[in-house]
Protein backbone atom coordinates (compact mmCIF):
# COMPACT_ATOMS: atom_id res chain seq x y z
CA UNK A 1 -29.15 6.11 -16.52
CA UNK A 2 -28.19 8.79 -14.01
CA UNK A 3 -25.87 11.57 -15.09
CA UNK A 4 -22.36 11.56 -13.65
CA UNK A 5 -20.06 14.43 -12.74
CA UNK A 6 -16.63 14.98 -11.21
CA UNK A 7 -16.76 16.78 -7.88
CA UNK A 8 -13.86 18.50 -6.14
CA UNK A 9 -14.29 19.08 -2.43
CA UNK A 10 -11.44 20.20 -0.22
CA UNK A 11 -8.43 18.32 -1.57
CA UNK A 12 -10.47 15.32 -2.77
CA UNK A 13 -12.02 14.35 -6.10
CA UNK A 14 -15.04 12.10 -6.51
CA UNK A 15 -16.86 10.72 -9.55
CA UNK A 16 -20.51 11.04 -8.60
CA UNK A 17 -23.87 9.93 -9.85
CA UNK A 18 -26.28 12.86 -9.76
CA UNK A 19 -29.69 12.48 -8.11
CA UNK A 20 -31.93 15.14 -9.66
CA UNK A 21 -35.42 13.61 -9.81
CA UNK A 22 -37.55 12.89 -6.76
CA UNK A 23 -37.27 9.15 -7.45
CA UNK A 24 -33.45 9.30 -7.71
CA UNK A 25 -33.30 11.33 -4.49
CA UNK A 26 -35.66 8.94 -2.70
CA UNK A 27 -33.59 5.92 -3.69
CA UNK A 28 -30.12 7.43 -3.20
CA UNK A 29 -27.61 4.72 -2.33
CA UNK A 30 -30.19 2.24 -1.06
CA UNK A 31 -29.18 -1.40 -1.45
CA UNK A 32 -25.57 -0.46 -2.30
CA UNK A 33 -23.15 -2.80 -0.54
CA UNK A 34 -19.87 -1.30 -1.79
CA UNK A 35 -18.87 2.19 -2.89
CA UNK A 36 -15.39 2.74 -4.39
CA UNK A 37 -13.44 5.33 -2.38
CA UNK A 38 -13.42 7.86 -5.24
CA UNK A 39 -17.15 7.62 -5.98
CA UNK A 40 -20.24 9.11 -4.42
CA UNK A 41 -23.73 10.45 -5.03
CA UNK A 42 -24.55 14.12 -5.44
CA UNK A 43 -28.08 15.34 -4.69
CA UNK A 44 -28.92 18.61 -6.47
CA UNK A 45 -31.68 21.17 -5.87
CA UNK A 46 -32.39 24.45 -7.64
CA UNK A 47 -32.12 26.47 -4.46
CA UNK A 48 -30.89 26.28 -0.92
CA UNK A 49 -33.29 24.96 1.75
CA UNK A 50 -33.44 22.63 4.74
CA UNK A 51 -33.17 19.00 3.59
CA UNK A 52 -33.50 15.73 5.47
CA UNK A 53 -31.68 12.50 4.64
CA UNK A 54 -31.82 9.02 6.12
CA UNK A 55 -30.04 5.69 5.71
CA UNK A 56 -33.04 3.41 5.08
CA UNK A 57 -31.81 0.29 3.24
CA UNK A 58 -28.30 1.75 2.88
CA UNK A 59 -25.76 -0.87 3.94
CA UNK A 60 -22.52 1.16 4.05
CA UNK A 61 -21.34 3.81 6.51
CA UNK A 62 -21.32 7.22 4.84
CA UNK A 63 -20.29 10.79 5.37
CA UNK A 64 -23.22 12.93 4.26
CA UNK A 65 -22.12 16.46 3.41
CA UNK A 66 -24.38 19.52 3.17
CA UNK A 67 -23.21 22.25 0.79
CA UNK A 68 -24.72 25.74 0.58
CA UNK A 69 -25.35 27.97 -2.44
CA UNK A 70 -21.91 29.57 -1.94
CA UNK A 71 -20.36 26.12 -2.62
CA UNK A 72 -19.09 25.73 0.91
CA UNK A 73 -19.50 22.69 3.15
CA UNK A 74 -21.71 23.67 6.08
CA UNK A 75 -22.59 20.24 7.55
CA UNK A 76 -20.82 16.88 7.79
CA UNK A 77 -22.67 13.97 9.38
CA UNK A 78 -21.34 10.42 9.81
CA UNK A 79 -24.35 8.27 8.99
CA UNK A 80 -24.93 4.78 10.33
CA UNK A 81 -26.09 2.04 7.94
CA UNK A 82 -29.85 1.36 7.95
CA UNK A 83 -30.58 4.10 10.52
CA UNK A 84 -33.97 5.63 9.70
CA UNK A 85 -33.40 8.77 11.80
CA UNK A 86 -33.94 11.90 9.69
CA UNK A 87 -30.71 13.89 9.51
CA UNK A 88 -31.19 17.67 9.00
CA UNK A 89 -29.11 19.72 6.57
CA UNK A 90 -29.82 23.43 6.90
CA UNK A 91 -29.19 25.76 3.93
CA UNK A 92 -28.30 22.90 1.58
CA UNK A 93 -28.33 23.29 -2.19
CA UNK A 94 -26.30 20.11 -2.63
CA UNK A 95 -25.82 17.02 -0.54
CA UNK A 96 -22.89 14.72 -1.21
CA UNK A 97 -22.72 11.13 0.02
CA UNK A 98 -19.30 9.46 0.14
CA UNK A 99 -17.68 6.71 2.20
CA UNK A 100 -17.25 7.45 5.91
CA UNK A 101 -13.95 8.88 7.17
CA UNK A 102 -13.65 11.06 4.06
CA UNK A 103 -11.77 13.82 5.87
CA UNK A 104 -14.16 16.44 4.45
CA UNK A 105 -14.77 19.21 6.98
CA UNK A 106 -17.04 22.23 7.38
CA UNK A 107 -15.63 25.15 5.42
CA UNK A 108 -14.21 23.03 2.59
CA UNK A 109 -14.84 24.48 -0.86
CA UNK A 110 -16.97 22.51 -3.34
CA UNK A 111 -16.73 22.54 -7.13
CA UNK A 112 -18.46 20.62 -9.89
CA UNK A 113 -16.02 19.93 -12.72
CA UNK A 114 -18.08 19.42 -15.87
CA UNK A 115 -15.10 19.63 -18.24
CA UNK A 116 -15.10 15.84 -18.72
CA UNK A 117 -18.29 14.22 -19.90
CA UNK A 118 -18.37 11.16 -17.66
CA UNK A 119 -21.53 10.01 -19.45
CA UNK A 120 -19.60 9.22 -22.61
CA UNK A 121 -18.56 5.91 -21.09
CA UNK A 122 -21.19 3.28 -21.62
CA UNK A 123 -21.26 -0.46 -21.21
CA UNK A 124 -22.71 -2.46 -24.08
CA UNK A 125 -23.75 -6.07 -23.92
CA UNK A 126 -23.43 -8.25 -26.98
CA UNK A 127 -26.25 -10.60 -27.83
CA UNK A 128 -25.51 -14.05 -29.32
CA UNK A 129 -26.06 -12.57 -32.80
CA UNK A 130 -23.39 -9.87 -32.07
CA UNK A 131 -25.92 -7.01 -31.79
CA UNK A 132 -25.86 -4.68 -28.80
């Protein structure tokens, strides 16, 4: 299960899955057909660099936001579903994907709020013998 974190960006708050591994970053929001308006995916790297993202097999319109090591938004791109064009993000330490028309703009401040452990919430399925 991917870690989750609360992200504050500008005047908005999102509950985000974190993509840390290469496989999580490769998959991203592929095959997602609906994203609640207060959720997103946060891609995290150890250091700032040029990153490229695409919308292969992503079925929803997104705002893809590049964030530098100073925790400031430096790029906002409206991405088109299933477009395989590589979108460049220069000087990105984080990339945030949220629903399109987010209102996030270049210069917005970014903060990860780790005061609430969003991973404490788990779903358990009961088997016929009442075990999980």
